[in-house]
C-alpha atoms as a PDB file:
ATOM      1  CA  MET A   1      -7.243  -3.991 -16.977  1.00  0.00           C
ATOM      2  CA  ILE A   2      -9.135  -1.696 -14.611  1.00  0.00           C
ATOM      3  CA  LEU A   3      -7.041   0.691 -12.512  1.00  0.00           C
ATOM      4  CA  GLU A   4      -8.655   3.414 -10.456  1.00  0.00           C
ATOM      5  CA  CYS A   5      -7.237   5.668  -7.768  1.00  0.00           C
ATOM      6  CA  LEU A   6      -9.699   6.695  -5.070  1.00  0.00           C
ATOM      7  CA  PRO A   7      -8.130   9.703  -3.283  1.00  0.00           C
ATOM      8  CA  ASN A   8      -9.143  11.747  -0.254  1.00  0.00           C
ATOM      9  CA  GLY A   9      -8.879   9.013   2.324  1.00  0.00           C
ATOM     10  CA  MET A  10      -7.778   9.550   5.912  1.00  0.00           C
ATOM     11  CA  PHE A  11      -4.959  12.140   5.811  1.00  0.00           C
ATOM     12  CA  GLU A  12      -5.486  12.311   2.040  1.00  0.00           C
ATOM     13  CA  SER A  13      -4.413   8.700   1.549  1.00  0.00           C
ATOM     14  CA  ASN A  14      -5.009   6.926  -1.754  1.00  0.00           C
ATOM     15  CA  CYS A  15      -6.888   3.673  -2.236  1.00  0.00           C
ATOM     16  CA  TYR A  16      -6.505   1.760  -5.483  1.00  0.00           C
ATOM     17  CA  ILE A  17      -8.797  -0.702  -7.224  1.00  0.00           C
ATOM     18  CA  LEU A  18      -7.189  -3.039  -9.728  1.00  0.00           C
ATOM     19  CA  GLY A  19      -9.200  -5.438 -11.852  1.00  0.00           C
ATOM     20  CA  ILE A  20      -8.080  -8.106 -14.303  1.00  0.00           C
ATOM     21  CA  ASN A  21     -10.521 -10.429 -16.096  1.00  0.00           C
ATOM     22  CA  GLY A  22     -13.207  -9.862 -13.488  1.00  0.00           C
ATOM     23  CA  GLU A  23     -10.944 -10.485 -10.480  1.00  0.00           C
ATOM     24  CA  GLY A  24     -10.089  -7.501  -8.334  1.00  0.00           C
ATOM     25  CA  LEU A  25      -7.953  -6.270  -5.518  1.00  0.00           C
ATOM     26  CA  ILE A  26      -8.037  -3.251  -3.264  1.00  0.00           C
ATOM     27  CA  ILE A  27      -4.751  -1.646  -2.259  1.00  0.00           C
ATOM     28  CA  ASP A  28      -4.966   0.134   1.103  1.00  0.00           C
ATOM     29  CA  ALA A  29      -8.155   0.852   2.994  1.00  0.00           C
ATOM     30  CA  GLY A  30      -8.145   4.473   4.078  1.00  0.00           C
ATOM     31  CA  VAL A  31     -10.967   5.714   1.855  1.00  0.00           C
ATOM     32  CA  ASN A  32     -14.594   5.607   3.014  1.00  0.00           C
ATOM     33  CA  SER A  33     -15.670   2.007   2.561  1.00  0.00           C
ATOM     34  CA  SER A  34     -19.095   2.810   1.102  1.00  0.00           C
ATOM     35  CA  TYR A  35     -17.474   4.636  -1.803  1.00  0.00           C
ATOM     36  CA  VAL A  36     -14.963   1.850  -2.419  1.00  0.00           C
ATOM     37  CA  ILE A  37     -17.739  -0.747  -2.350  1.00  0.00           C
ATOM     38  CA  LYS A  38     -19.760   1.323  -4.824  1.00  0.00           C
ATOM     39  CA  ARG A  39     -16.857   1.470  -7.264  1.00  0.00           C
ATOM     40  CA  VAL A  40     -16.129  -2.250  -6.895  1.00  0.00           C
ATOM     41  CA  ASP A  41     -19.767  -3.025  -7.687  1.00  0.00           C
ATOM     42  CA  GLU A  42     -19.768  -0.675 -10.672  1.00  0.00           C
ATOM     43  CA  HIS A  43     -16.672  -2.363 -12.048  1.00  0.00           C
ATOM     44  CA  LYS A  44     -18.339  -5.767 -11.435  1.00  0.00           C
ATOM     45  CA  LEU A  45     -15.245  -7.146  -9.728  1.00  0.00           C
ATOM     46  CA  LYS A  46     -14.904 -10.160  -7.495  1.00  0.00           C
ATOM     47  CA  ILE A  47     -12.380  -9.047  -4.879  1.00  0.00           C
ATOM     48  CA  LYS A  48      -9.620 -11.552  -4.208  1.00  0.00           C
ATOM     49  CA  TYR A  49      -7.304  -9.478  -2.004  1.00  0.00           C
ATOM     50  CA  ILE A  50      -7.262  -6.409   0.199  1.00  0.00           C
ATOM     51  CA  LEU A  51      -3.568  -5.556   0.108  1.00  0.00           C
ATOM     52  CA  LEU A  52      -2.164  -3.268   2.807  1.00  0.00           C
ATOM     53  CA  THR A  53       1.112  -1.577   1.934  1.00  0.00           C
ATOM     54  CA  HIS A  54       1.750  -1.011   5.648  1.00  0.00           C
ATOM     55  CA  GLY A  55      -0.070  -0.895   8.957  1.00  0.00           C
ATOM     56  CA  HIS A  56      -0.714   2.781   9.719  1.00  0.00           C
ATOM     57  CA  ILE A  57      -4.260   3.815  10.579  1.00  0.00           C
ATOM     58  CA  ASP A  58      -4.740   5.993   7.475  1.00  0.00           C
ATOM     59  CA  HIS A  59      -4.194   2.928   5.281  1.00  0.00           C
ATOM     60  CA  ILE A  60      -6.078   0.309   7.303  1.00  0.00           C
ATOM     61  CA  CYS A  61      -9.006   2.120   8.967  1.00  0.00           C
ATOM     62  CA  HIS A  62     -11.696   0.574   6.721  1.00  0.00           C
ATOM     63  CA  THR A  63     -10.128  -2.872   6.334  1.00  0.00           C
ATOM     64  CA  ASP A  64     -12.683  -4.806   8.364  1.00  0.00           C
ATOM     65  CA  ASP A  65     -15.660  -3.046   6.749  1.00  0.00           C
ATOM     66  CA  LEU A  66     -14.353  -3.771   3.271  1.00  0.00           C
ATOM     67  CA  LYS A  67     -13.616  -7.405   4.034  1.00  0.00           C
ATOM     68  CA  GLU A  68     -17.118  -7.913   5.394  1.00  0.00           C
ATOM     69  CA  ALA A  69     -18.723  -6.218   2.389  1.00  0.00           C
ATOM     70  CA  VAL A  70     -16.700  -7.470  -0.576  1.00  0.00           C
ATOM     71  CA  GLY A  71     -14.703 -10.403   0.782  1.00  0.00           C
ATOM     72  CA  GLY A  72     -11.143 -11.028  -0.208  1.00  0.00           C
ATOM     73  CA  SER A  73      -8.103 -12.025   1.813  1.00  0.00           C
ATOM     74  CA  VAL A  74      -6.422  -9.305   3.863  1.00  0.00           C
ATOM     75  CA  VAL A  75      -2.718  -9.283   3.007  1.00  0.00           C
ATOM     76  CA  ILE A  76       0.095  -7.497   4.844  1.00  0.00           C
ATOM     77  CA  HIS A  77       3.837  -7.991   5.204  1.00  0.00           C
ATOM     78  CA  GLU A  78       4.719 -10.281   8.083  1.00  0.00           C
ATOM     79  CA  ASP A  79       6.691  -7.527   9.839  1.00  0.00           C
ATOM     80  CA  ASP A  80       3.634  -5.240   9.986  1.00  0.00           C
ATOM     81  CA  ALA A  81       1.070  -7.880  10.904  1.00  0.00           C
ATOM     82  CA  ASP A  82       1.033  -6.792  14.562  1.00  0.00           C
ATOM     83  CA  PHE A  83       0.094  -3.240  13.529  1.00  0.00           C
ATOM     84  CA  LEU A  84      -3.459  -4.447  12.915  1.00  0.00           C
ATOM     85  CA  THR A  85      -3.936  -5.341  16.567  1.00  0.00           C
ATOM     86  CA  ASN A  86      -1.701  -2.754  18.261  1.00  0.00           C
ATOM     87  CA  PRO A  87      -2.959   0.858  18.543  1.00  0.00           C
ATOM     88  CA  VAL A  88       0.533   2.131  19.339  1.00  0.00           C
ATOM     89  CA  PHE A  89       2.041   0.592  16.219  1.00  0.00           C
ATOM     90  CA  ASN A  90      -0.836   1.640  13.935  1.00  0.00           C
ATOM     91  CA  CYS A  91      -0.781   5.152  15.469  1.00  0.00           C
ATOM     92  CA  SER A  92      -4.498   5.332  16.246  1.00  0.00           C
ATOM     93  CA  PHE A  93      -3.514   6.043  19.866  1.00  0.00           C
ATOM     94  CA  VAL A  94      -2.282   9.477  18.735  1.00  0.00           C
ATOM     95  CA  PHE A  95      -5.937  10.453  18.208  1.00  0.00           C
ATOM     96  CA  GLY A  96      -7.105   9.042  21.516  1.00  0.00           C
ATOM     97  CA  GLU A  97      -8.434   5.882  19.876  1.00  0.00           C
ATOM     98  CA  GLY A  98      -7.483   2.281  20.481  1.00  0.00           C
ATOM     99  CA  ARG A  99      -8.301   0.995  17.024  1.00  0.00           C
ATOM    100  CA  THR A 100      -7.672  -2.681  16.387  1.00  0.00           C
ATOM    101  CA  PHE A 101      -8.526  -4.827  13.384  1.00  0.00           C
ATOM    102  CA  GLY A 102      -8.896  -8.468  12.446  1.00  0.00           C
ATOM    103  CA  ILE A 103      -5.770 -10.543  11.966  1.00  0.00           C
ATOM    104  CA  PRO A 104      -4.564 -10.800   8.350  1.00  0.00           C
ATOM    105  CA  ASP A 105      -5.445 -13.785   6.199  1.00  0.00           C
ATOM    106  CA  ILE A 106      -2.079 -13.785   4.438  1.00  0.00           C
ATOM    107  CA  LYS A 107       1.325 -12.590   5.668  1.00  0.00           C
ATOM    108  CA  VAL A 108       3.828 -12.055   2.875  1.00  0.00           C
ATOM    109  CA  LYS A 109       7.566 -11.486   2.684  1.00  0.00           C
ATOM    110  CA  ASP A 110      10.004 -10.105   0.146  1.00  0.00           C
ATOM    111  CA  GLY A 111       9.902 -11.936  -3.159  1.00  0.00           C
ATOM    112  CA  ASP A 112       6.497 -13.538  -2.672  1.00  0.00           C
ATOM    113  CA  VAL A 113       4.197 -13.585  -5.681  1.00  0.00           C
ATOM    114  CA  LEU A 114       0.403 -13.557  -5.540  1.00  0.00           C
ATOM    115  CA  LYS A 115      -1.840 -14.094  -8.566  1.00  0.00           C
ATOM    116  CA  LEU A 116      -4.697 -11.950  -9.785  1.00  0.00           C
ATOM    117  CA  SER A 117      -6.243 -13.818 -12.692  1.00  0.00           C
ATOM    118  CA  ASP A 118      -3.245 -14.538 -14.933  1.00  0.00           C
ATOM    119  CA  THR A 119      -1.132 -11.665 -13.605  1.00  0.00           C
ATOM    120  CA  ASN A 120       1.649 -11.721 -11.015  1.00  0.00           C
ATOM    121  CA  LEU A 121       1.604  -9.427  -8.004  1.00  0.00           C
ATOM    122  CA  GLU A 122       5.229  -9.155  -6.910  1.00  0.00           C
ATOM    123  CA  ILE A 123       5.897  -8.252  -3.285  1.00  0.00           C
ATOM    124  CA  ILE A 124       8.883  -5.975  -2.646  1.00  0.00           C
ATOM    125  CA  HIS A 125       9.728  -5.446   1.025  1.00  0.00           C
ATOM    126  CA  THR A 126      10.701  -1.796   1.548  1.00  0.00           C
ATOM    127  CA  PRO A 127      11.222  -1.176   5.267  1.00  0.00           C
ATOM    128  CA  GLY A 128      11.768   2.342   6.534  1.00  0.00           C
ATOM    129  CA  HIS A 129       8.383   4.016   6.899  1.00  0.00           C
ATOM    130  CA  THR A 130       7.413   0.934   8.897  1.00  0.00           C
ATOM    131  CA  PRO A 131       9.320  -2.329   9.440  1.00  0.00           C
ATOM    132  CA  GLY A 132       6.973  -4.180   7.094  1.00  0.00           C
ATOM    133  CA  GLY A 133       6.347  -1.522   4.496  1.00  0.00           C
ATOM    134  CA  MET A 134       5.988  -3.079   1.068  1.00  0.00           C
ATOM    135  CA  CYS A 135       5.467  -2.196  -2.565  1.00  0.00           C
ATOM    136  CA  ILE A 136       3.488  -4.238  -5.075  1.00  0.00           C
ATOM    137  CA  LYS A 137       4.705  -4.524  -8.647  1.00  0.00           C
ATOM    138  CA  VAL A 138       2.167  -5.460 -11.317  1.00  0.00           C
ATOM    139  CA  GLY A 139       3.822  -5.441 -14.728  1.00  0.00           C
ATOM    140  CA  ASN A 140       5.011  -1.875 -15.296  1.00  0.00           C
ATOM    141  CA  ILE A 141       2.967  -0.530 -12.371  1.00  0.00           C
ATOM    142  CA  LEU A 142       4.365  -0.096  -8.858  1.00  0.00           C
ATOM    143  CA  PHE A 143       2.199   0.671  -5.838  1.00  0.00           C
ATOM    144  CA  THR A 144       4.585   2.249  -3.335  1.00  0.00           C
ATOM    145  CA  GLY A 145       2.454   2.973  -0.279  1.00  0.00           C
ATOM    146  CA  ASP A 146       4.266   5.449   1.946  1.00  0.00           C
ATOM    147  CA  THR A 147       7.743   4.428   0.840  1.00  0.00           C
ATOM    148  CA  LEU A 148       8.138   6.582  -2.272  1.00  0.00           C
ATOM    149  CA  PHE A 149       6.185   9.715  -3.208  1.00  0.00           C
ATOM    150  CA  LYS A 150       6.576  12.113  -6.105  1.00  0.00           C
ATOM    151  CA  TYR A 151       9.524  14.332  -5.111  1.00  0.00           C
ATOM    152  CA  SER A 152       9.682  12.771  -1.647  1.00  0.00           C
ATOM    153  CA  THR A 153       9.625   9.756   0.656  1.00  0.00           C
ATOM    154  CA  GLY A 154       7.500   8.608   3.564  1.00  0.00           C
ATOM    155  CA  ARG A 155       8.174   9.942   7.061  1.00  0.00           C
ATOM    156  CA  THR A 156      10.344   7.886   9.397  1.00  0.00           C
ATOM    157  CA  ASP A 157       9.648   9.423  12.831  1.00  0.00           C
ATOM    158  CA  LEU A 158       6.813   7.080  13.813  1.00  0.00           C
ATOM    159  CA  PRO A 159       7.245   3.786  15.740  1.00  0.00           C
ATOM    160  CA  GLY A 160       9.450   1.388  13.770  1.00  0.00           C
ATOM    161  CA  GLY A 161      10.538   4.005  11.241  1.00  0.00           C
ATOM    162  CA  SER A 162      14.115   4.286   9.997  1.00  0.00           C
ATOM    163  CA  ARG A 163      15.535   6.986   7.747  1.00  0.00           C
ATOM    164  CA  ASP A 164      18.496   4.816   6.765  1.00  0.00           C
ATOM    165  CA  ASN A 165      16.246   1.880   5.890  1.00  0.00           C
ATOM    166  CA  ILE A 166      13.826   3.839   3.723  1.00  0.00           C
ATOM    167  CA  ILE A 167      16.671   5.352   1.693  1.00  0.00           C
ATOM    168  CA  LYS A 168      18.233   1.897   1.249  1.00  0.00           C
ATOM    169  CA  SER A 169      14.882   0.431   0.234  1.00  0.00           C
ATOM    170  CA  ILE A 170      14.312   3.079  -2.409  1.00  0.00           C
ATOM    171  CA  LYS A 171      17.827   3.213  -3.803  1.00  0.00           C
ATOM    172  CA  ASN A 172      18.583  -0.522  -3.726  1.00  0.00           C
ATOM    173  CA  LYS A 173      15.192  -1.924  -4.668  1.00  0.00           C
ATOM    174  CA  LEU A 174      12.995   0.675  -6.376  1.00  0.00           C
ATOM    175  CA  LEU A 175      15.368   2.889  -8.319  1.00  0.00           C
ATOM    176  CA  THR A 176      16.956  -0.203  -9.881  1.00  0.00           C
ATOM    177  CA  LEU A 177      13.672  -0.820 -11.721  1.00  0.00           C
ATOM    178  CA  PRO A 178      13.202   0.430 -15.312  1.00  0.00           C
ATOM    179  CA  ASP A 179      12.597   4.150 -15.755  1.00  0.00           C
ATOM    180  CA  GLU A 180       9.204   3.582 -17.365  1.00  0.00           C
ATOM    181  CA  ILE A 181       7.722   1.913 -14.291  1.00  0.00           C
ATOM    182  CA  GLN A 182       4.678   3.918 -13.176  1.00  0.00           C
ATOM    183  CA  VAL A 183       4.643   4.825  -9.493  1.00  0.00           C
ATOM    184  CA  TYR A 184       1.308   4.968  -7.661  1.00  0.00           C
ATOM    185  CA  PRO A 185       1.950   6.175  -4.099  1.00  0.00           C
ATOM    186  CA  GLY A 186      -0.086   6.059  -0.908  1.00  0.00           C
ATOM    187  CA  HIS A 187      -0.525   9.853  -0.972  1.00  0.00           C
ATOM    188  CA  ASN A 188      -0.401  12.520  -3.661  1.00  0.00           C
ATOM    189  CA  GLU A 189      -0.054  12.092  -7.412  1.00  0.00           C
ATOM    190  CA  ALA A 190       1.510   9.417  -9.581  1.00  0.00           C
ATOM    191  CA  SER A 191       5.056   9.487 -10.926  1.00  0.00           C
ATOM    192  CA  THR A 192       7.574   7.213 -12.643  1.00  0.00           C
ATOM    193  CA  ILE A 193      10.821   5.641 -11.521  1.00  0.00           C
ATOM    194  CA  GLY A 194      12.705   7.659 -14.147  1.00  0.00           C
ATOM    195  CA  PHE A 195      11.214  10.920 -12.880  1.00  0.00           C
ATOM    196  CA  GLU A 196      12.147  10.153  -9.279  1.00  0.00           C
ATOM    197  CA  LYS A 197      15.726   9.258 -10.200  1.00  0.00           C
ATOM    198  CA  ILE A 198      16.173  12.785 -11.538  1.00  0.00           C
ATOM    199  CA  ASN A 199      13.843  14.892  -9.399  1.00  0.00           C
ATOM    200  CA  ASN A 200      13.564  13.322  -5.947  1.00  0.00           C
ATOM    201  CA  MET A 201      15.963  15.560  -4.054  1.00  0.00           C
ATOM    202  CA  VAL A 202      15.220  13.874  -0.725  1.00  0.00           C
ATOM    203  CA  LEU A 203      17.199  10.864  -1.900  1.00  0.00           C
ATOM    204  CA  ASP A 204      20.347  12.985  -2.237  1.00  0.00           C
ATOM    205  CA  MET A 205      20.314  13.996   1.422  1.00  0.00           C
END
């Protein structure tokens, strides 16, 4: 398995490249596309999916460039699909831009399973940061987007955000997973479910 975190995207967002038996996926598209393409080529991966954990501009801004360059189906949760074509929802309007993107190739929902080579990609719907925020579980790895961070959670004051929903998503869906699950968030450093159960004080508020 190939797993690489490419940091320093828009607003310090993380982009991840995952490769299994020559097939690859990109999780979130906030990092400069030329660098992502370079790393994909160096890993010699055939990209099958560009998975978007949610529809905010710092996670989708290079989606179209990446799709054109490396192919792959753009995947987003059905409840965030409109973020790609709505500058208010994706928050690009905040910066005086009306950024819109191509429609997704695949809209997923909670419990859906995609395949990368012989490995399952399990979709976990975690609304709160956005209505269609989602996490992707791959074995003992969990990509949490802007739902769960080390020591913290994603913000909920943007369009469609809900403090109650994000806490429910984390407590009822993520913290029920085994302690050894590795957490790879949309910003900042990695963690584990066990660590967050003990140290994430935000969840006690």
